[in-house]
């Protein structure tokens, strides 16, 4: 009885936190979606894979996070590692976008299901691509985007408006996972073997 009380694995709250095994399951079960996020941010298959693997390690060995938050924490870690890797910075702009009122994302008619083509996303410049992926696809607030990217909310807002306008005017359709990565491809196999180590 005394030994049980001192065993750190038997703490009453220990089961509330995500373990390495939990993160391994998350990265295994959603490997395609997490790789897709990493790839859309980095725009490069090798950097995306490196970002994904380092994100798994960071999640598995980092500070404790509640089990319920583990999936969103994995995505946030990928975003943070992609930002560290590429260091996207906003361009200086004298644009009158600050006073522009832009329609809701649902009004843009990007294609079936309200999604965008991968080529359209990858065609965006670095900072704009990060803002688009983080704020539009991952639904982070402008304030959270600004904190993650180390810039002002105004810079995020202007980049978001530019990217939404560009996406709307390009008439691009569906962001399809099968165009990004085929789970039977070499990259999918490398990803799964790397994460199961």
N, C-alpha and C. Protein backbone atom coordinates (compact mmCIF):
# COMPACT_ATOMS: atom_id res chain seq x y z
N UNK A 1 0.81 -1.18 0.00
CA UNK A 1 0.00 0.00 0.00
C UNK A 1 0.86 1.26 0.00
N UNK A 2 1.90 1.27 0.80
CA UNK A 2 2.78 2.43 0.84
C UNK A 2 3.47 2.60 -0.50
N UNK A 3 3.93 1.51 -1.11
CA UNK A 3 4.59 1.57 -2.42
C UNK A 3 3.69 2.15 -3.49
N UNK A 4 2.43 1.84 -3.46
CA UNK A 4 1.49 2.35 -4.46
C UNK A 4 1.34 3.87 -4.35
N UNK A 5 1.31 4.39 -3.15
CA UNK A 5 1.13 5.83 -2.95
C UNK A 5 2.30 6.62 -3.50
N UNK A 6 3.49 6.04 -3.51
CA UNK A 6 4.68 6.73 -3.98
C UNK A 6 4.98 6.48 -5.45
N UNK A 7 4.27 5.60 -6.09
CA UNK A 7 4.49 5.29 -7.50
C UNK A 7 3.91 6.41 -8.35
N UNK A 8 4.74 7.15 -9.10
CA UNK A 8 4.23 8.29 -9.86
C UNK A 8 3.23 7.89 -10.93
N UNK A 9 3.28 6.65 -11.41
CA UNK A 9 2.33 6.21 -12.44
C UNK A 9 0.96 5.92 -11.86
N UNK A 10 0.84 5.87 -10.55
CA UNK A 10 -0.44 5.57 -9.90
C UNK A 10 -1.13 6.82 -9.36
N UNK A 11 -0.66 7.98 -9.73
CA UNK A 11 -1.31 9.21 -9.27
C UNK A 11 -2.73 9.26 -9.81
N UNK A 12 -3.65 9.78 -9.04
CA UNK A 12 -5.05 9.82 -9.49
C UNK A 12 -5.24 10.60 -10.80
N UNK A 13 -4.45 11.64 -11.05
CA UNK A 13 -4.62 12.47 -12.23
C UNK A 13 -3.78 12.01 -13.42
N UNK A 14 -2.95 10.99 -13.24
CA UNK A 14 -2.05 10.54 -14.30
C UNK A 14 -2.81 10.11 -15.54
N UNK A 15 -3.98 9.53 -15.40
CA UNK A 15 -4.76 9.06 -16.54
C UNK A 15 -5.41 10.20 -17.32
N UNK A 16 -5.40 11.39 -16.77
CA UNK A 16 -6.00 12.54 -17.45
C UNK A 16 -5.11 13.09 -18.55
N UNK A 17 -3.82 12.77 -18.50
CA UNK A 17 -2.86 13.34 -19.43
C UNK A 17 -2.54 12.36 -20.55
N UNK A 18 -2.30 12.92 -21.74
CA UNK A 18 -1.94 12.10 -22.90
C UNK A 18 -0.54 11.54 -22.71
N UNK A 19 -0.38 10.28 -23.03
CA UNK A 19 0.91 9.61 -22.92
C UNK A 19 1.56 9.52 -24.30
N UNK A 20 2.78 9.05 -24.32
CA UNK A 20 3.48 8.81 -25.59
C UNK A 20 2.65 7.85 -26.46
N UNK A 21 2.06 6.86 -25.82
CA UNK A 21 1.22 5.89 -26.53
C UNK A 21 0.00 6.58 -27.15
N UNK A 22 -0.61 7.50 -26.43
CA UNK A 22 -1.75 8.25 -26.96
C UNK A 22 -1.35 9.06 -28.19
N UNK A 23 -0.21 9.73 -28.11
CA UNK A 23 0.25 10.52 -29.25
C UNK A 23 0.64 9.62 -30.42
N UNK A 24 1.22 8.48 -30.14
CA UNK A 24 1.55 7.53 -31.22
C UNK A 24 0.27 7.11 -31.93
N UNK A 25 -0.78 6.85 -31.17
CA UNK A 25 -2.06 6.46 -31.77
C UNK A 25 -2.62 7.60 -32.63
N UNK A 26 -2.57 8.82 -32.11
CA UNK A 26 -3.07 9.97 -32.85
C UNK A 26 -2.30 10.17 -34.15
N UNK A 27 -0.98 10.12 -34.07
CA UNK A 27 -0.17 10.32 -35.26
C UNK A 27 -0.30 9.15 -36.23
N UNK A 28 -0.60 7.97 -35.74
CA UNK A 28 -0.80 6.82 -36.61
C UNK A 28 -2.18 6.87 -37.28
N UNK A 29 -3.23 7.10 -36.49
CA UNK A 29 -4.59 7.09 -37.02
C UNK A 29 -4.87 8.27 -37.95
N UNK A 30 -4.27 9.41 -37.70
CA UNK A 30 -4.50 10.57 -38.54
C UNK A 30 -3.22 10.99 -39.26
N UNK A 31 -2.41 10.03 -39.64
CA UNK A 31 -1.13 10.35 -40.27
C UNK A 31 -1.31 11.14 -41.56
N UNK A 32 -2.33 10.82 -42.34
CA UNK A 32 -2.56 11.53 -43.59
C UNK A 32 -2.98 12.97 -43.32
N UNK A 33 -3.92 13.17 -42.41
CA UNK A 33 -4.37 14.53 -42.09
C UNK A 33 -3.27 15.38 -41.48
N UNK A 34 -2.48 14.80 -40.59
CA UNK A 34 -1.40 15.56 -39.96
C UNK A 34 -0.28 15.85 -40.95
N UNK A 35 0.01 14.88 -41.83
CA UNK A 35 1.00 15.14 -42.88
C UNK A 35 0.49 16.23 -43.81
N UNK A 36 -0.80 16.18 -44.14
CA UNK A 36 -1.39 17.19 -45.02
C UNK A 36 -1.22 18.58 -44.42
N UNK A 37 -1.49 18.73 -43.14
CA UNK A 37 -1.30 20.01 -42.46
C UNK A 37 0.15 20.45 -42.57
N UNK A 38 1.06 19.55 -42.27
CA UNK A 38 2.48 19.86 -42.33
C UNK A 38 2.91 20.26 -43.75
N UNK A 39 2.41 19.52 -44.74
CA UNK A 39 2.77 19.79 -46.13
C UNK A 39 2.20 21.12 -46.61
N UNK A 40 0.96 21.42 -46.26
CA UNK A 40 0.37 22.69 -46.67
C UNK A 40 1.11 23.87 -46.05
N UNK A 41 1.61 23.70 -44.85
CA UNK A 41 2.37 24.78 -44.21
C UNK A 41 3.76 24.93 -44.83
N UNK A 42 4.46 23.83 -44.99
CA UNK A 42 5.85 23.90 -45.46
C UNK A 42 5.96 24.00 -46.97
N UNK A 43 5.01 23.39 -47.69
CA UNK A 43 5.06 23.40 -49.15
C UNK A 43 6.15 22.52 -49.73
N UNK A 44 6.70 21.64 -48.91
CA UNK A 44 7.82 20.80 -49.33
C UNK A 44 7.70 19.43 -48.66
N UNK A 45 7.71 18.33 -49.43
CA UNK A 45 7.51 17.00 -48.85
C UNK A 45 8.54 16.61 -47.78
N UNK A 46 9.81 16.93 -48.02
CA UNK A 46 10.85 16.56 -47.05
C UNK A 46 10.72 17.37 -45.76
N UNK A 47 10.50 18.67 -45.91
CA UNK A 47 10.32 19.51 -44.72
C UNK A 47 9.06 19.11 -43.97
N UNK A 48 8.03 18.75 -44.71
CA UNK A 48 6.77 18.33 -44.08
C UNK A 48 6.97 17.09 -43.24
N UNK A 49 7.68 16.11 -43.78
CA UNK A 49 7.93 14.88 -43.04
C UNK A 49 8.81 15.15 -41.82
N UNK A 50 9.85 15.98 -42.00
CA UNK A 50 10.74 16.32 -40.88
C UNK A 50 9.95 17.05 -39.79
N UNK A 51 9.08 17.96 -40.18
CA UNK A 51 8.24 18.71 -39.24
C UNK A 51 7.30 17.76 -38.50
N UNK A 52 6.73 16.82 -39.23
CA UNK A 52 5.79 15.87 -38.63
C UNK A 52 6.47 14.98 -37.59
N UNK A 53 7.63 14.45 -37.95
CA UNK A 53 8.36 13.56 -37.03
C UNK A 53 8.82 14.32 -35.80
N UNK A 54 9.34 15.54 -35.98
CA UNK A 54 9.79 16.31 -34.81
C UNK A 54 8.59 16.71 -33.95
N UNK A 55 7.44 16.92 -34.57
CA UNK A 55 6.24 17.26 -33.81
C UNK A 55 5.77 16.09 -32.96
N UNK A 56 5.86 14.89 -33.52
CA UNK A 56 5.51 13.71 -32.73
C UNK A 56 6.43 13.61 -31.51
N UNK A 57 7.72 13.77 -31.72
CA UNK A 57 8.67 13.71 -30.60
C UNK A 57 8.39 14.79 -29.57
N UNK A 58 8.10 16.00 -30.03
CA UNK A 58 7.80 17.10 -29.10
C UNK A 58 6.55 16.79 -28.28
N UNK A 59 5.52 16.25 -28.94
CA UNK A 59 4.28 15.91 -28.23
C UNK A 59 4.52 14.79 -27.21
N UNK A 60 5.26 13.79 -27.64
CA UNK A 60 5.46 12.60 -26.80
C UNK A 60 6.37 12.86 -25.61
N UNK A 61 7.28 13.81 -25.73
CA UNK A 61 8.24 14.05 -24.66
C UNK A 61 8.07 15.41 -23.99
N UNK A 62 7.14 16.21 -24.46
CA UNK A 62 6.97 17.57 -23.94
C UNK A 62 6.16 17.63 -22.67
N UNK A 63 5.71 18.83 -22.37
CA UNK A 63 4.89 19.06 -21.18
C UNK A 63 3.59 18.26 -21.27
N UNK A 64 3.05 17.87 -20.12
CA UNK A 64 1.79 17.11 -20.13
C UNK A 64 0.65 17.94 -20.71
N UNK A 65 -0.22 17.26 -21.42
CA UNK A 65 -1.41 17.89 -21.98
C UNK A 65 -2.58 16.96 -21.72
N UNK A 66 -3.74 17.53 -21.44
CA UNK A 66 -4.91 16.69 -21.19
C UNK A 66 -5.21 15.81 -22.39
N UNK A 67 -5.61 14.60 -22.12
CA UNK A 67 -5.90 13.62 -23.16
C UNK A 67 -6.92 14.16 -24.17
N UNK A 68 -7.93 14.90 -23.69
CA UNK A 68 -8.96 15.44 -24.58
C UNK A 68 -8.40 16.46 -25.56
N UNK A 69 -7.29 17.08 -25.20
CA UNK A 69 -6.69 18.11 -26.05
C UNK A 69 -5.57 17.57 -26.93
N UNK A 70 -5.26 16.31 -26.84
CA UNK A 70 -4.09 15.76 -27.52
C UNK A 70 -4.12 15.95 -29.03
N UNK A 71 -5.27 15.73 -29.66
CA UNK A 71 -5.37 15.88 -31.11
C UNK A 71 -5.10 17.33 -31.53
N UNK A 72 -5.73 18.28 -30.87
CA UNK A 72 -5.50 19.68 -31.23
C UNK A 72 -4.08 20.11 -30.86
N UNK A 73 -3.54 19.53 -29.79
CA UNK A 73 -2.15 19.84 -29.40
C UNK A 73 -1.18 19.34 -30.46
N UNK A 74 -1.44 18.18 -31.03
CA UNK A 74 -0.59 17.64 -32.09
C UNK A 74 -0.58 18.60 -33.29
N UNK A 75 -1.74 19.10 -33.67
CA UNK A 75 -1.82 20.05 -34.79
C UNK A 75 -1.09 21.35 -34.46
N UNK A 76 -1.29 21.84 -33.24
CA UNK A 76 -0.62 23.08 -32.86
C UNK A 76 0.89 22.91 -32.86
N UNK A 77 1.37 21.76 -32.43
CA UNK A 77 2.81 21.49 -32.42
C UNK A 77 3.35 21.46 -33.84
N UNK A 78 2.60 20.88 -34.77
CA UNK A 78 3.01 20.88 -36.18
C UNK A 78 3.09 22.31 -36.69
N UNK A 79 2.10 23.11 -36.37
CA UNK A 79 2.10 24.51 -36.80
C UNK A 79 3.32 25.24 -36.23
N UNK A 80 3.60 25.06 -34.94
CA UNK A 80 4.74 25.73 -34.32
C UNK A 80 6.06 25.27 -34.94
N UNK A 81 6.20 23.97 -35.21
CA UNK A 81 7.45 23.49 -35.80
C UNK A 81 7.61 23.98 -37.24
N UNK A 82 6.52 24.07 -37.98
CA UNK A 82 6.60 24.60 -39.35
C UNK A 82 7.01 26.07 -39.32
N UNK A 83 6.49 26.81 -38.36
CA UNK A 83 6.87 28.22 -38.22
C UNK A 83 8.35 28.34 -37.88
N UNK A 84 8.83 27.50 -36.96
CA UNK A 84 10.26 27.51 -36.61
C UNK A 84 11.12 27.18 -37.82
N UNK A 85 10.67 26.22 -38.62
CA UNK A 85 11.42 25.76 -39.79
C UNK A 85 11.49 26.84 -40.87
N UNK A 86 10.37 27.48 -41.19
CA UNK A 86 10.33 28.40 -42.32
C UNK A 86 10.39 29.88 -41.96
N UNK A 87 10.07 30.21 -40.71
CA UNK A 87 10.10 31.60 -40.24
C UNK A 87 9.37 32.56 -41.20
N UNK A 88 8.08 32.32 -41.46
CA UNK A 88 7.34 33.19 -42.39
C UNK A 88 7.17 34.59 -41.82
N UNK A 89 7.40 35.58 -42.65
CA UNK A 89 7.27 36.98 -42.23
C UNK A 89 6.35 37.71 -43.19
N UNK A 90 5.55 38.64 -42.68
CA UNK A 90 4.66 39.41 -43.56
C UNK A 90 5.45 40.41 -44.40
N UNK A 91 4.93 40.66 -45.59
CA UNK A 91 5.53 41.70 -46.43
C UNK A 91 5.00 43.04 -45.97
N UNK A 92 5.78 44.06 -46.21
CA UNK A 92 5.28 45.41 -45.94
C UNK A 92 4.25 45.73 -47.00
N UNK A 93 3.13 46.25 -46.54
CA UNK A 93 2.05 46.55 -47.46
C UNK A 93 1.44 47.90 -47.16
N UNK A 94 1.21 48.65 -48.21
CA UNK A 94 0.51 49.93 -48.08
C UNK A 94 -0.90 49.79 -48.63
N UNK A 95 -1.43 48.63 -48.51
CA UNK A 95 -2.73 48.28 -49.06
C UNK A 95 -3.86 48.89 -48.25
N UNK A 96 -4.95 49.28 -48.92
CA UNK A 96 -6.11 49.80 -48.20
C UNK A 96 -7.00 48.68 -47.65
N UNK A 97 -6.45 47.48 -47.50
CA UNK A 97 -7.24 46.33 -47.05
C UNK A 97 -7.76 46.47 -45.64
N UNK A 98 -7.12 47.31 -44.85
CA UNK A 98 -7.51 47.40 -43.45
C UNK A 98 -8.97 47.84 -43.28
N UNK A 99 -9.48 48.59 -44.24
CA UNK A 99 -10.87 49.03 -44.12
C UNK A 99 -11.82 48.18 -44.95
N UNK A 100 -11.29 47.20 -45.65
CA UNK A 100 -12.12 46.34 -46.50
C UNK A 100 -12.94 45.38 -45.65
N UNK A 101 -14.20 45.26 -45.98
CA UNK A 101 -15.03 44.25 -45.34
C UNK A 101 -15.12 43.10 -46.32
N UNK A 102 -14.76 41.92 -45.87
CA UNK A 102 -14.72 40.77 -46.77
C UNK A 102 -15.78 39.77 -46.38
N UNK A 103 -16.39 39.10 -47.35
CA UNK A 103 -17.45 38.16 -47.05
C UNK A 103 -16.97 36.96 -46.25
N UNK A 104 -17.92 36.29 -45.68
CA UNK A 104 -17.65 35.06 -44.94
C UNK A 104 -17.00 34.03 -45.85
N UNK A 105 -16.16 33.19 -45.31
CA UNK A 105 -15.49 32.14 -46.09
C UNK A 105 -16.50 31.27 -46.82
N UNK A 106 -17.68 31.04 -46.25
CA UNK A 106 -18.69 30.19 -46.88
C UNK A 106 -19.27 30.82 -48.14
N UNK A 107 -19.15 32.14 -48.27
CA UNK A 107 -19.69 32.83 -49.42
C UNK A 107 -18.75 32.83 -50.61
N UNK A 108 -17.56 32.27 -50.47
CA UNK A 108 -16.57 32.33 -51.54
C UNK A 108 -16.81 31.31 -52.65
N UNK A 109 -17.64 30.32 -52.42
CA UNK A 109 -17.91 29.26 -53.39
C UNK A 109 -16.64 28.68 -53.98
N UNK A 110 -15.74 28.16 -53.15
CA UNK A 110 -14.48 27.63 -53.65
C UNK A 110 -14.63 26.31 -54.39
N UNK A 111 -15.69 25.61 -54.20
CA UNK A 111 -15.86 24.32 -54.84
C UNK A 111 -16.72 23.44 -53.97
N UNK A 112 -16.89 22.19 -54.37
CA UNK A 112 -17.72 21.28 -53.60
C UNK A 112 -17.22 21.15 -52.16
N UNK A 113 -18.14 21.24 -51.23
CA UNK A 113 -17.79 21.05 -49.82
C UNK A 113 -17.06 22.23 -49.22
N UNK A 114 -16.95 23.37 -49.94
CA UNK A 114 -16.28 24.55 -49.38
C UNK A 114 -14.79 24.34 -49.20
N UNK A 115 -14.17 23.58 -50.07
CA UNK A 115 -12.74 23.30 -49.94
C UNK A 115 -11.97 23.89 -51.12
N UNK A 116 -10.64 23.90 -50.99
CA UNK A 116 -9.78 24.50 -51.99
C UNK A 116 -8.81 23.46 -52.54
N UNK A 117 -8.33 23.69 -53.75
CA UNK A 117 -7.34 22.80 -54.34
C UNK A 117 -6.00 23.00 -53.65
N UNK A 118 -5.27 21.93 -53.58
CA UNK A 118 -3.94 21.98 -52.97
C UNK A 118 -3.03 22.93 -53.72
N UNK A 119 -3.08 22.89 -55.06
CA UNK A 119 -2.23 23.78 -55.86
C UNK A 119 -2.49 25.25 -55.54
N UNK A 120 -3.74 25.58 -55.30
CA UNK A 120 -4.09 26.97 -54.97
C UNK A 120 -3.47 27.36 -53.63
N UNK A 121 -3.52 26.47 -52.66
CA UNK A 121 -2.93 26.75 -51.34
C UNK A 121 -1.41 26.83 -51.45
N UNK A 122 -0.81 25.87 -52.15
CA UNK A 122 0.65 25.86 -52.28
C UNK A 122 1.16 27.01 -53.13
N UNK A 123 0.29 27.59 -53.96
CA UNK A 123 0.67 28.72 -54.79
C UNK A 123 0.75 30.03 -54.03
N UNK A 124 0.26 30.03 -52.81
CA UNK A 124 0.33 31.24 -51.98
C UNK A 124 1.75 31.45 -51.49
N UNK A 125 2.12 32.71 -51.29
CA UNK A 125 3.44 33.01 -50.73
C UNK A 125 3.48 32.56 -49.28
N UNK A 126 4.67 32.35 -48.74
CA UNK A 126 4.88 31.77 -47.41
C UNK A 126 3.97 32.27 -46.30
N UNK A 127 4.05 33.56 -46.00
CA UNK A 127 3.27 34.10 -44.89
C UNK A 127 1.78 33.97 -45.14
N UNK A 128 1.35 34.28 -46.36
CA UNK A 128 -0.06 34.17 -46.71
C UNK A 128 -0.54 32.73 -46.61
N UNK A 129 0.30 31.79 -47.03
CA UNK A 129 -0.06 30.37 -46.93
C UNK A 129 -0.25 29.96 -45.47
N UNK A 130 0.66 30.39 -44.61
CA UNK A 130 0.54 30.08 -43.19
C UNK A 130 -0.75 30.66 -42.62
N UNK A 131 -1.02 31.91 -42.93
CA UNK A 131 -2.24 32.55 -42.43
C UNK A 131 -3.46 31.81 -42.93
N UNK A 132 -3.48 31.47 -44.22
CA UNK A 132 -4.63 30.77 -44.79
C UNK A 132 -4.84 29.42 -44.11
N UNK A 133 -3.80 28.64 -44.00
CA UNK A 133 -3.92 27.31 -43.41
C UNK A 133 -4.33 27.40 -41.94
N UNK A 134 -3.68 28.28 -41.19
CA UNK A 134 -3.95 28.37 -39.75
C UNK A 134 -5.33 28.97 -39.47
N UNK A 135 -5.66 30.07 -40.15
CA UNK A 135 -6.91 30.75 -39.81
C UNK A 135 -8.13 30.19 -40.54
N UNK A 136 -7.99 29.85 -41.81
CA UNK A 136 -9.14 29.39 -42.57
C UNK A 136 -9.33 27.88 -42.45
N UNK A 137 -8.29 27.11 -42.69
CA UNK A 137 -8.44 25.66 -42.67
C UNK A 137 -8.46 25.09 -41.25
N UNK A 138 -7.67 25.67 -40.34
CA UNK A 138 -7.62 25.16 -38.97
C UNK A 138 -8.47 25.98 -38.00
N UNK A 139 -9.06 27.06 -38.46
CA UNK A 139 -10.02 27.86 -37.69
C UNK A 139 -9.43 28.52 -36.44
N UNK A 140 -8.17 28.91 -36.49
CA UNK A 140 -7.59 29.68 -35.38
C UNK A 140 -8.06 31.13 -35.53
N UNK A 141 -8.21 31.81 -34.42
CA UNK A 141 -8.60 33.22 -34.46
C UNK A 141 -7.44 34.05 -35.00
N UNK A 142 -7.75 35.27 -35.43
CA UNK A 142 -6.70 36.17 -35.91
C UNK A 142 -5.69 36.44 -34.79
N UNK A 143 -6.20 36.56 -33.58
CA UNK A 143 -5.31 36.81 -32.43
C UNK A 143 -4.35 35.64 -32.22
N UNK A 144 -4.88 34.41 -32.24
CA UNK A 144 -4.01 33.23 -32.08
C UNK A 144 -2.99 33.13 -33.21
N UNK A 145 -3.42 33.42 -34.44
CA UNK A 145 -2.49 33.41 -35.58
C UNK A 145 -1.37 34.41 -35.37
N UNK A 146 -1.74 35.61 -34.92
CA UNK A 146 -0.73 36.65 -34.69
C UNK A 146 0.27 36.21 -33.62
N UNK A 147 -0.23 35.60 -32.55
CA UNK A 147 0.68 35.11 -31.50
C UNK A 147 1.62 34.04 -32.04
N UNK A 148 1.08 33.09 -32.78
CA UNK A 148 1.92 32.01 -33.33
C UNK A 148 2.95 32.55 -34.33
N UNK A 149 2.53 33.48 -35.17
CA UNK A 149 3.41 33.98 -36.23
C UNK A 149 4.28 35.16 -35.78
N UNK A 150 4.06 35.66 -34.58
CA UNK A 150 4.88 36.76 -34.07
C UNK A 150 4.69 38.05 -34.86
N UNK A 151 3.44 38.36 -35.17
CA UNK A 151 3.15 39.58 -35.93
C UNK A 151 1.89 40.22 -35.35
N UNK A 152 1.43 41.27 -35.98
CA UNK A 152 0.23 41.95 -35.47
C UNK A 152 -1.04 41.30 -36.02
N UNK A 153 -2.13 41.51 -35.31
CA UNK A 153 -3.43 41.04 -35.77
C UNK A 153 -3.77 41.68 -37.11
N UNK A 154 -3.39 42.95 -37.27
CA UNK A 154 -3.65 43.66 -38.54
C UNK A 154 -2.93 42.97 -39.70
N UNK A 155 -1.68 42.55 -39.51
CA UNK A 155 -0.95 41.86 -40.56
C UNK A 155 -1.62 40.53 -40.92
N UNK A 156 -2.10 39.83 -39.91
CA UNK A 156 -2.82 38.57 -40.16
C UNK A 156 -4.10 38.86 -40.93
N UNK A 157 -4.85 39.87 -40.50
CA UNK A 157 -6.12 40.21 -41.15
C UNK A 157 -5.90 40.56 -42.62
N UNK A 158 -4.89 41.39 -42.89
CA UNK A 158 -4.62 41.78 -44.27
C UNK A 158 -4.19 40.59 -45.12
N UNK A 159 -3.35 39.72 -44.56
CA UNK A 159 -2.92 38.53 -45.31
C UNK A 159 -4.10 37.60 -45.57
N UNK A 160 -4.97 37.47 -44.59
CA UNK A 160 -6.15 36.62 -44.74
C UNK A 160 -7.07 37.15 -45.84
N UNK A 161 -7.28 38.45 -45.85
CA UNK A 161 -8.13 39.06 -46.87
C UNK A 161 -7.51 38.83 -48.26
N UNK A 162 -6.21 39.08 -48.39
CA UNK A 162 -5.55 38.86 -49.69
C UNK A 162 -5.69 37.42 -50.16
N UNK A 163 -5.48 36.48 -49.24
CA UNK A 163 -5.54 35.07 -49.66
C UNK A 163 -6.97 34.67 -50.00
N UNK A 164 -7.94 35.14 -49.24
CA UNK A 164 -9.33 34.80 -49.55
C UNK A 164 -9.74 35.40 -50.89
N UNK A 165 -9.30 36.62 -51.16
CA UNK A 165 -9.60 37.23 -52.46
C UNK A 165 -8.95 36.43 -53.59
N UNK A 166 -7.70 36.05 -53.40
CA UNK A 166 -6.99 35.29 -54.42
C UNK A 166 -7.66 33.94 -54.66
N UNK A 167 -8.05 33.27 -53.57
CA UNK A 167 -8.71 31.98 -53.70
C UNK A 167 -10.06 32.12 -54.40
N UNK A 168 -10.80 33.16 -54.04
CA UNK A 168 -12.12 33.36 -54.64
C UNK A 168 -11.99 33.68 -56.13
N UNK A 169 -11.01 34.49 -56.48
CA UNK A 169 -10.86 34.87 -57.88
C UNK A 169 -10.26 33.75 -58.73
N UNK A 170 -9.56 32.83 -58.10
CA UNK A 170 -8.95 31.75 -58.88
C UNK A 170 -9.96 30.69 -59.28
N UNK A 171 -11.10 30.63 -58.56
CA UNK A 171 -12.13 29.66 -58.89
C UNK A 171 -11.68 28.23 -58.65
N UNK A 172 -10.71 28.04 -57.78
CA UNK A 172 -10.19 26.69 -57.50
C UNK A 172 -11.20 25.88 -56.72
N UNK A 173 -11.20 24.57 -56.94
CA UNK A 173 -12.14 23.68 -56.26
C UNK A 173 -11.39 22.71 -55.35
N UNK A 174 -12.10 21.82 -54.80
CA UNK A 174 -11.81 20.83 -53.76
C UNK A 174 -10.36 20.52 -53.43
N UNK A 175 -10.07 20.72 -52.15
CA UNK A 175 -8.79 20.31 -51.58
C UNK A 175 -8.92 18.82 -51.27
N UNK A 176 -8.36 17.97 -52.15
CA UNK A 176 -8.57 16.53 -52.01
C UNK A 176 -7.35 15.86 -51.42
N UNK A 177 -7.57 15.08 -50.39
CA UNK A 177 -6.47 14.38 -49.73
C UNK A 177 -5.74 13.45 -50.69
N UNK A 178 -6.48 12.81 -51.61
CA UNK A 178 -5.82 11.84 -52.48
C UNK A 178 -4.79 12.49 -53.38
N UNK A 179 -4.89 13.83 -53.62
CA UNK A 179 -3.88 14.51 -54.43
C UNK A 179 -2.63 14.80 -53.62
N UNK A 180 -2.79 14.85 -52.33
CA UNK A 180 -1.68 15.22 -51.46
C UNK A 180 -0.81 14.02 -51.11
N UNK A 181 -1.43 12.96 -50.66
CA UNK A 181 -0.67 11.78 -50.27
C UNK A 181 -1.54 10.56 -50.39
N UNK A 182 -0.99 9.54 -51.00
CA UNK A 182 -1.67 8.26 -51.11
C UNK A 182 -1.09 7.40 -50.00
N UNK A 183 -1.95 6.83 -49.17
CA UNK A 183 -1.46 6.07 -48.01
C UNK A 183 -0.60 4.88 -48.40
N UNK A 184 -0.69 4.45 -49.67
CA UNK A 184 0.16 3.34 -50.12
C UNK A 184 1.46 3.83 -50.75
N UNK A 185 1.63 5.14 -50.84
CA UNK A 185 2.83 5.67 -51.48
C UNK A 185 4.05 5.47 -50.59
N UNK A 186 5.21 5.73 -51.17
CA UNK A 186 6.46 5.61 -50.41
C UNK A 186 6.45 6.56 -49.22
N UNK A 187 5.96 7.79 -49.41
CA UNK A 187 5.94 8.76 -48.33
C UNK A 187 5.06 8.28 -47.20
N UNK A 188 3.90 7.71 -47.54
CA UNK A 188 3.00 7.19 -46.52
C UNK A 188 3.64 6.05 -45.75
N UNK A 189 4.38 5.19 -46.45
CA UNK A 189 5.07 4.08 -45.78
C UNK A 189 6.18 4.59 -44.89
N UNK A 190 6.96 5.56 -45.39
CA UNK A 190 8.04 6.14 -44.59
C UNK A 190 7.47 6.78 -43.34
N UNK A 191 6.39 7.53 -43.51
CA UNK A 191 5.75 8.20 -42.39
C UNK A 191 5.30 7.20 -41.33
N UNK A 192 4.61 6.16 -41.74
CA UNK A 192 4.11 5.18 -40.77
C UNK A 192 5.25 4.44 -40.10
N UNK A 193 6.31 4.09 -40.86
CA UNK A 193 7.42 3.37 -40.24
C UNK A 193 8.20 4.26 -39.28
N UNK A 194 8.31 5.56 -39.60
CA UNK A 194 9.02 6.50 -38.74
C UNK A 194 8.29 6.68 -37.42
N UNK A 195 6.97 6.77 -37.47
CA UNK A 195 6.19 7.02 -36.27
C UNK A 195 6.01 5.79 -35.39
N UNK A 196 6.22 4.61 -35.94
CA UNK A 196 6.02 3.40 -35.14
C UNK A 196 7.29 2.95 -34.45
N UNK A 197 8.37 3.69 -34.61
CA UNK A 197 9.62 3.33 -33.93
C UNK A 197 9.52 3.47 -32.44
